[in-house]
Amino acid sequence: MSAASGNRRKKGRPGKAGNQTLPSGSQDKNLEMDALRRGAISAFILFHLVVIACFAVPTKALAGAKEMVLPYMRWSGLFQSWDMFAPDPQSVNSYLKAVVITKDRHIKVWSFPRMEELSLWQRFRQERYRKFAEVLPQQQFAPIWPDVARHIARFFNSQSDPPDKVLLIQFQSEIDPKAGKSAEPTPRPNVFYDDYLQPGDLQ
């Protein structure tokens, strides 16, 4: 093999970078971008740790901070209440159902997901429905009741027999720690919203 052919092989193909290193300016820029990304991730994690601590720690000393972060906690779905813990845990079981009445007076029932009836994986995916069902009947959330009713009505939309009216019902029963399962009280229904649908609500 001649020396000329050996030299040609060492040169490699045109357009390939081979083992060439990046210019120092490009390396510095990549390092800066990595540092910025790590800093942003760290700031994001630290921010949420502080916000969750301000909101969740049950002390009056953080009452002002809790009010400040409350809008963000509600928007992000990270809010947490202490009503399931001592000294005043919840004393009622509750669940929600919707009744949809069609134009031909047929009745359709839609049940909000209930955690005790779901598998472990389903509970993991739909846990937010429990909190949603707990707070929805509260009067402060009345502005969203029509939206919830319209959303449920669309599940039963039909050209031949469209929904006409929706009722949102909360069922509640008292919790008696001493009573067995056979003595569970019958849930009491409470209709907290009912209204007729308007043209365009099913679109």
C-alpha atoms as a PDB file:
ATOM      1  CA  MET A   1       0.000   0.000   0.000  1.00  0.00           C
ATOM      2  CA  SER A   2       1.410   3.368  -1.002  1.00  0.00           C
ATOM      3  CA  ALA A   3       1.871   6.300   1.362  1.00  0.00           C
ATOM      4  CA  ALA A   4      -0.496   8.429  -0.767  1.00  0.00           C
ATOM      5  CA  SER A   5      -3.419   5.977  -0.341  1.00  0.00           C
ATOM      6  CA  GLY A   6      -2.775   5.824   3.406  1.00  0.00           C
ATOM      7  CA  ASN A   7      -2.932   9.605   3.614  1.00  0.00           C
ATOM      8  CA  ARG A   8      -6.221   9.649   1.689  1.00  0.00           C
ATOM      9  CA  ARG A   9      -7.804   7.231   4.184  1.00  0.00           C
ATOM     10  CA  LYS A  10      -6.756   9.349   7.151  1.00  0.00           C
ATOM     11  CA  LYS A  11      -8.352  12.482   5.692  1.00  0.00           C
ATOM     12  CA  GLY A  12     -11.868  10.936   5.807  1.00  0.00           C
ATOM     13  CA  ARG A  13     -14.867  11.970   3.789  1.00  0.00           C
ATOM     14  CA  PRO A  14     -15.648  15.595   3.009  1.00  0.00           C
ATOM     15  CA  GLY A  15     -18.246  17.234   5.206  1.00  0.00           C
ATOM     16  CA  LYS A  16     -17.717  14.958   8.262  1.00  0.00           C
ATOM     17  CA  ALA A  17     -16.659  16.563  11.510  1.00  0.00           C
ATOM     18  CA  GLY A  18     -14.801  13.433  12.646  1.00  0.00           C
ATOM     19  CA  ASN A  19     -13.311  13.851  16.101  1.00  0.00           C
ATOM     20  CA  GLN A  20     -13.176  17.605  15.947  1.00  0.00           C
ATOM     21  CA  THR A  21     -14.144  19.340  19.202  1.00  0.00           C
ATOM     22  CA  LEU A  22     -16.632  22.182  19.368  1.00  0.00           C
ATOM     23  CA  PRO A  23     -15.231  25.700  19.559  1.00  0.00           C
ATOM     24  CA  SER A  24     -14.788  26.975  23.094  1.00  0.00           C
ATOM     25  CA  GLY A  25     -17.534  29.559  22.548  1.00  0.00           C
ATOM     26  CA  SER A  26     -20.093  26.855  21.713  1.00  0.00           C
ATOM     27  CA  GLN A  27     -19.042  24.796  24.718  1.00  0.00           C
ATOM     28  CA  ASP A  28     -19.454  27.774  27.017  1.00  0.00           C
ATOM     29  CA  LYS A  29     -22.912  28.466  25.572  1.00  0.00           C
ATOM     30  CA  ASN A  30     -24.011  24.852  26.108  1.00  0.00           C
ATOM     31  CA  LEU A  31     -22.751  24.940  29.678  1.00  0.00           C
ATOM     32  CA  GLU A  32     -24.670  28.165  30.313  1.00  0.00           C
ATOM     33  CA  MET A  33     -27.880  26.667  28.903  1.00  0.00           C
ATOM     34  CA  ASP A  34     -27.492  23.552  31.075  1.00  0.00           C
ATOM     35  CA  ALA A  35     -26.938  25.733  34.130  1.00  0.00           C
ATOM     36  CA  LEU A  36     -30.046  27.785  33.305  1.00  0.00           C
ATOM     37  CA  ARG A  37     -32.157  24.667  32.870  1.00  0.00           C
ATOM     38  CA  ARG A  38     -30.965  23.202  36.163  1.00  0.00           C
ATOM     39  CA  GLY A  39     -31.545  26.522  37.892  1.00  0.00           C
ATOM     40  CA  ALA A  40     -35.086  26.816  36.491  1.00  0.00           C
ATOM     41  CA  ILE A  41     -35.958  23.269  37.580  1.00  0.00           C
ATOM     42  CA  SER A  42     -34.530  23.863  41.054  1.00  0.00           C
ATOM     43  CA  ALA A  43     -36.446  27.143  41.373  1.00  0.00           C
ATOM     44  CA  PHE A  44     -39.671  25.427  40.250  1.00  0.00           C
ATOM     45  CA  ILE A  45     -39.274  22.665  42.852  1.00  0.00           C
ATOM     46  CA  LEU A  46     -38.279  25.077  45.630  1.00  0.00           C
ATOM     47  CA  PHE A  47     -41.210  27.383  44.843  1.00  0.00           C
ATOM     48  CA  HIS A  48     -43.735  24.555  45.135  1.00  0.00           C
ATOM     49  CA  LEU A  49     -42.179  23.226  48.333  1.00  0.00           C
ATOM     50  CA  VAL A  50     -42.506  26.650  49.941  1.00  0.00           C
ATOM     51  CA  VAL A  51     -46.036  27.242  48.596  1.00  0.00           C
ATOM     52  CA  ILE A  52     -47.299  23.825  49.705  1.00  0.00           C
ATOM     53  CA  ALA A  53     -45.734  24.286  53.140  1.00  0.00           C
ATOM     54  CA  CYS A  54     -47.365  27.735  53.538  1.00  0.00           C
ATOM     55  CA  PHE A  55     -50.735  26.322  52.529  1.00  0.00           C
ATOM     56  CA  ALA A  56     -50.714  22.957  54.279  1.00  0.00           C
ATOM     57  CA  VAL A  57     -49.071  23.626  57.651  1.00  0.00           C
ATOM     58  CA  PRO A  58     -51.963  24.150  60.122  1.00  0.00           C
ATOM     59  CA  THR A  59     -50.732  27.202  61.990  1.00  0.00           C
ATOM     60  CA  LYS A  60     -52.121  30.720  62.346  1.00  0.00           C
ATOM     61  CA  ALA A  61     -48.639  32.162  61.873  1.00  0.00           C
ATOM     62  CA  LEU A  62     -48.870  31.375  58.147  1.00  0.00           C
ATOM     63  CA  ALA A  63     -52.461  32.573  57.685  1.00  0.00           C
ATOM     64  CA  GLY A  64     -51.367  35.591  55.625  1.00  0.00           C
ATOM     65  CA  ALA A  65     -49.115  33.521  53.384  1.00  0.00           C
ATOM     66  CA  LYS A  66     -51.895  30.975  52.924  1.00  0.00           C
ATOM     67  CA  GLU A  67     -54.268  33.652  51.635  1.00  0.00           C
ATOM     68  CA  MET A  68     -51.621  34.807  49.164  1.00  0.00           C
ATOM     69  CA  VAL A  69     -50.981  31.382  47.666  1.00  0.00           C
ATOM     70  CA  LEU A  70     -54.625  30.182  47.793  1.00  0.00           C
ATOM     71  CA  PRO A  71     -55.527  31.321  44.217  1.00  0.00           C
ATOM     72  CA  TYR A  72     -52.540  29.495  42.750  1.00  0.00           C
ATOM     73  CA  MET A  73     -53.214  26.363  44.800  1.00  0.00           C
ATOM     74  CA  ARG A  74     -56.804  26.238  43.582  1.00  0.00           C
ATOM     75  CA  TRP A  75     -55.813  26.890  39.976  1.00  0.00           C
ATOM     76  CA  SER A  76     -53.124  24.200  40.006  1.00  0.00           C
ATOM     77  CA  GLY A  77     -55.209  21.660  41.959  1.00  0.00           C
ATOM     78  CA  LEU A  78     -52.576  21.378  44.712  1.00  0.00           C
ATOM     79  CA  PHE A  79     -54.832  22.634  47.506  1.00  0.00           C
ATOM     80  CA  GLN A  80     -55.301  20.402  50.524  1.00  0.00           C
ATOM     81  CA  SER A  81     -57.593  20.722  53.515  1.00  0.00           C
ATOM     82  CA  TRP A  82     -57.214  19.214  56.950  1.00  0.00           C
ATOM     83  CA  ASP A  83     -60.874  18.282  57.418  1.00  0.00           C
ATOM     84  CA  MET A  84     -60.078  14.561  57.209  1.00  0.00           C
ATOM     85  CA  PHE A  85     -57.796  14.791  60.249  1.00  0.00           C
ATOM     86  CA  ALA A  86     -58.288  15.530  63.951  1.00  0.00           C
ATOM     87  CA  PRO A  87     -59.609  17.383  65.821  1.00  0.00           C
ATOM     88  CA  ASP A  88     -62.681  17.770  63.587  1.00  0.00           C
ATOM     89  CA  PRO A  89     -62.760  15.132  60.826  1.00  0.00           C
ATOM     90  CA  GLN A  90     -65.645  14.877  58.403  1.00  0.00           C
ATOM     91  CA  SER A  91     -68.708  13.226  59.901  1.00  0.00           C
ATOM     92  CA  VAL A  92     -70.656  12.416  56.706  1.00  0.00           C
ATOM     93  CA  ASN A  93     -70.226  10.274  53.628  1.00  0.00           C
ATOM     94  CA  SER A  94     -71.343  11.966  50.431  1.00  0.00           C
ATOM     95  CA  TYR A  95     -71.487  11.354  46.710  1.00  0.00           C
ATOM     96  CA  LEU A  96     -73.039  13.056  43.698  1.00  0.00           C
ATOM     97  CA  LYS A  97     -75.353  12.012  40.910  1.00  0.00           C
ATOM     98  CA  ALA A  98     -76.896  13.871  38.000  1.00  0.00           C
ATOM     99  CA  VAL A  99     -80.368  13.202  36.625  1.00  0.00           C
ATOM    100  CA  VAL A 100     -80.954  14.163  33.001  1.00  0.00           C
ATOM    101  CA  ILE A 101     -84.568  14.420  31.809  1.00  0.00           C
ATOM    102  CA  THR A 102     -85.065  14.281  28.053  1.00  0.00           C
ATOM    103  CA  LYS A 103     -87.681  15.970  25.873  1.00  0.00           C
ATOM    104  CA  ASP A 104     -89.736  12.762  25.847  1.00  0.00           C
ATOM    105  CA  ARG A 105     -89.495  12.597  29.654  1.00  0.00           C
ATOM    106  CA  HIS A 106     -87.011   9.736  29.783  1.00  0.00           C
ATOM    107  CA  ILE A 107     -84.723   9.791  32.803  1.00  0.00           C
ATOM    108  CA  LYS A 108     -80.978   9.226  32.549  1.00  0.00           C
ATOM    109  CA  VAL A 109     -78.705   8.970  35.606  1.00  0.00           C
ATOM    110  CA  TRP A 110     -75.021   9.828  35.596  1.00  0.00           C
ATOM    111  CA  SER A 111     -72.892   9.055  38.664  1.00  0.00           C
ATOM    112  CA  PHE A 112     -69.762  10.943  39.573  1.00  0.00           C
ATOM    113  CA  PRO A 113     -66.861   8.517  40.154  1.00  0.00           C
ATOM    114  CA  ARG A 114     -66.834   7.151  43.714  1.00  0.00           C
ATOM    115  CA  MET A 115     -63.430   6.126  45.047  1.00  0.00           C
ATOM    116  CA  GLU A 116     -64.769   3.171  47.068  1.00  0.00           C
ATOM    117  CA  GLU A 117     -66.157   1.628  43.872  1.00  0.00           C
ATOM    118  CA  LEU A 118     -62.986   1.964  41.800  1.00  0.00           C
ATOM    119  CA  SER A 119     -59.872  -0.165  41.517  1.00  0.00           C
ATOM    120  CA  LEU A 120     -56.562   1.036  42.924  1.00  0.00           C
ATOM    121  CA  TRP A 121     -55.369   2.202  39.496  1.00  0.00           C
ATOM    122  CA  GLN A 122     -58.674   3.955  38.773  1.00  0.00           C
ATOM    123  CA  ARG A 123     -58.552   5.712  42.148  1.00  0.00           C
ATOM    124  CA  PHE A 124     -55.023   6.878  41.387  1.00  0.00           C
ATOM    125  CA  ARG A 125     -56.170   8.394  38.089  1.00  0.00           C
ATOM    126  CA  GLN A 126     -59.475   9.879  39.283  1.00  0.00           C
ATOM    127  CA  GLU A 127     -58.751  10.956  42.846  1.00  0.00           C
ATOM    128  CA  ARG A 128     -59.486  14.579  41.907  1.00  0.00           C
ATOM    129  CA  TYR A 129     -63.120  13.636  41.354  1.00  0.00           C
ATOM    130  CA  ARG A 130     -63.425  13.012  45.103  1.00  0.00           C
ATOM    131  CA  LYS A 131     -62.338  16.524  45.982  1.00  0.00           C
ATOM    132  CA  PHE A 132     -64.424  17.938  43.155  1.00  0.00           C
ATOM    133  CA  ALA A 133     -67.512  16.141  44.448  1.00  0.00           C
ATOM    134  CA  GLU A 134     -66.832  17.334  47.990  1.00  0.00           C
ATOM    135  CA  VAL A 135     -66.723  21.035  47.146  1.00  0.00           C
ATOM    136  CA  LEU A 136     -69.104  21.284  44.172  1.00  0.00           C
ATOM    137  CA  PRO A 137     -72.344  21.542  46.218  1.00  0.00           C
ATOM    138  CA  GLN A 138     -70.965  24.472  48.231  1.00  0.00           C
ATOM    139  CA  GLN A 139     -72.712  27.747  47.471  1.00  0.00           C
ATOM    140  CA  GLN A 140     -69.485  29.518  46.599  1.00  0.00           C
ATOM    141  CA  PHE A 141     -69.163  27.237  43.567  1.00  0.00           C
ATOM    142  CA  ALA A 142     -72.694  27.895  42.291  1.00  0.00           C
ATOM    143  CA  PRO A 143     -71.379  29.797  39.221  1.00  0.00           C
ATOM    144  CA  ILE A 144     -70.013  26.552  37.748  1.00  0.00           C
ATOM    145  CA  TRP A 145     -73.131  24.439  38.347  1.00  0.00           C
ATOM    146  CA  PRO A 146     -74.647  25.264  34.922  1.00  0.00           C
ATOM    147  CA  ASP A 147     -71.379  24.313  33.207  1.00  0.00           C
ATOM    148  CA  VAL A 148     -71.282  20.980  35.034  1.00  0.00           C
ATOM    149  CA  ALA A 149     -74.923  20.316  34.114  1.00  0.00           C
ATOM    150  CA  ARG A 150     -74.333  21.118  30.438  1.00  0.00           C
ATOM    151  CA  HIS A 151     -71.223  18.919  30.356  1.00  0.00           C
ATOM    152  CA  ILE A 152     -73.145  15.931  31.736  1.00  0.00           C
ATOM    153  CA  ALA A 153     -76.138  16.546  29.455  1.00  0.00           C
ATOM    154  CA  ARG A 154     -73.898  16.234  26.398  1.00  0.00           C
ATOM    155  CA  PHE A 155     -73.208  12.595  27.316  1.00  0.00           C
ATOM    156  CA  PHE A 156     -76.876  11.856  26.610  1.00  0.00           C
ATOM    157  CA  ASN A 157     -77.361  14.122  23.609  1.00  0.00           C
ATOM    158  CA  SER A 158     -79.546  12.582  20.925  1.00  0.00           C
ATOM    159  CA  GLN A 159     -81.145  14.003  17.827  1.00  0.00           C
ATOM    160  CA  SER A 160     -84.371  12.084  18.428  1.00  0.00           C
ATOM    161  CA  ASP A 161     -84.645  12.715  22.183  1.00  0.00           C
ATOM    162  CA  PRO A 162     -82.284  15.449  23.409  1.00  0.00           C
ATOM    163  CA  PRO A 163     -81.822  16.359  27.094  1.00  0.00           C
ATOM    164  CA  ASP A 164     -84.192  19.007  28.424  1.00  0.00           C
ATOM    165  CA  LYS A 165     -83.408  19.390  32.129  1.00  0.00           C
ATOM    166  CA  VAL A 166     -80.572  18.485  34.508  1.00  0.00           C
ATOM    167  CA  LEU A 167     -80.622  17.993  38.272  1.00  0.00           C
ATOM    168  CA  LEU A 168     -77.468  17.765  40.399  1.00  0.00           C
ATOM    169  CA  ILE A 169     -78.043  15.765  43.576  1.00  0.00           C
ATOM    170  CA  GLN A 170     -75.843  15.248  46.622  1.00  0.00           C
ATOM    171  CA  PHE A 171     -76.416  12.138  48.745  1.00  0.00           C
ATOM    172  CA  GLN A 172     -75.221  12.264  52.355  1.00  0.00           C
ATOM    173  CA  SER A 173     -75.234   9.868  55.297  1.00  0.00           C
ATOM    174  CA  GLU A 174     -73.918  10.291  58.827  1.00  0.00           C
ATOM    175  CA  ILE A 175     -70.777   8.397  59.811  1.00  0.00           C
ATOM    176  CA  ASP A 176     -71.217   6.336  62.980  1.00  0.00           C
ATOM    177  CA  PRO A 177     -67.865   4.791  64.016  1.00  0.00           C
ATOM    178  CA  LYS A 178     -69.657   2.270  66.236  1.00  0.00           C
ATOM    179  CA  ALA A 179     -72.081   1.015  63.595  1.00  0.00           C
ATOM    180  CA  GLY A 180     -71.269  -1.951  61.388  1.00  0.00           C
ATOM    181  CA  LYS A 181     -71.763  -2.104  57.636  1.00  0.00           C
ATOM    182  CA  SER A 182     -75.184  -3.669  58.094  1.00  0.00           C
ATOM    183  CA  ALA A 183     -76.331  -0.612  60.053  1.00  0.00           C
ATOM    184  CA  GLU A 184     -75.251   2.034  57.548  1.00  0.00           C
ATOM    185  CA  PRO A 185     -77.939   4.756  57.270  1.00  0.00           C
ATOM    186  CA  THR A 186     -79.760   5.434  54.032  1.00  0.00           C
ATOM    187  CA  PRO A 187     -78.183   8.429  52.222  1.00  0.00           C
ATOM    188  CA  ARG A 188     -80.356  11.544  52.136  1.00  0.00           C
ATOM    189  CA  PRO A 189     -80.692  13.257  48.744  1.00  0.00           C
ATOM    190  CA  ASN A 190     -80.354  16.999  48.355  1.00  0.00           C
ATOM    191  CA  VAL A 191     -81.016  18.635  44.974  1.00  0.00           C
ATOM    192  CA  PHE A 192     -78.658  21.601  44.932  1.00  0.00           C
ATOM    193  CA  TYR A 193     -79.172  22.511  41.277  1.00  0.00           C
ATOM    194  CA  ASP A 194     -81.883  21.980  38.671  1.00  0.00           C
ATOM    195  CA  ASP A 195     -82.581  23.924  35.526  1.00  0.00           C
ATOM    196  CA  TYR A 196     -83.728  23.567  31.944  1.00  0.00           C
ATOM    197  CA  LEU A 197     -81.190  23.545  29.146  1.00  0.00           C
ATOM    198  CA  GLN A 198     -81.116  26.407  26.688  1.00  0.00           C
ATOM    199  CA  PRO A 199     -80.664  26.275  22.904  1.00  0.00           C
ATOM    200  CA  GLY A 200     -76.991  25.781  22.158  1.00  0.00           C
ATOM    201  CA  ASP A 201     -76.131  24.210  25.547  1.00  0.00           C
ATOM    202  CA  LEU A 202     -75.603  20.813  23.926  1.00  0.00           C
ATOM    203  CA  GLN A 203     -73.147  22.030  21.306  1.00  0.00           C
END
